[in-house]
């Protein structure tokens, strides 16, 4: 995991102690991973930091940027619609994401029309 090893040097052998990673450290790591588009790893960091909104946003971004294009290439439109709805639901939980939510639902509707 993400931890710092602290060594205490004395006259004898070196003793190692593990310092627990703080919520702030997990959050900072998650934000860095989000900036680098590593959304699945970012979501794990935000889960450990207790930041549900950031975790939902990271999962939604992974769905939209990674899973979505794969399903589109494979022609799995019925699964793509479900993906848009799940991503929209996660973004909706985050609060100030109305435009992204609307875009997700719009994209979902367009995909549904292609099937029709």
Foldseek 3Di string as FASTA:
>chain_A
DDWDWDWDDDPDDIDIDTDDDALVNLQVVLVVCVVVLVLVSSLVSNVVSVNQLSNLQSVLSCLVPPVLVVCVVVVVLVVNLVSLQSSLVSNVVNPPPVVSSVVSNVVSVVSVVVVD
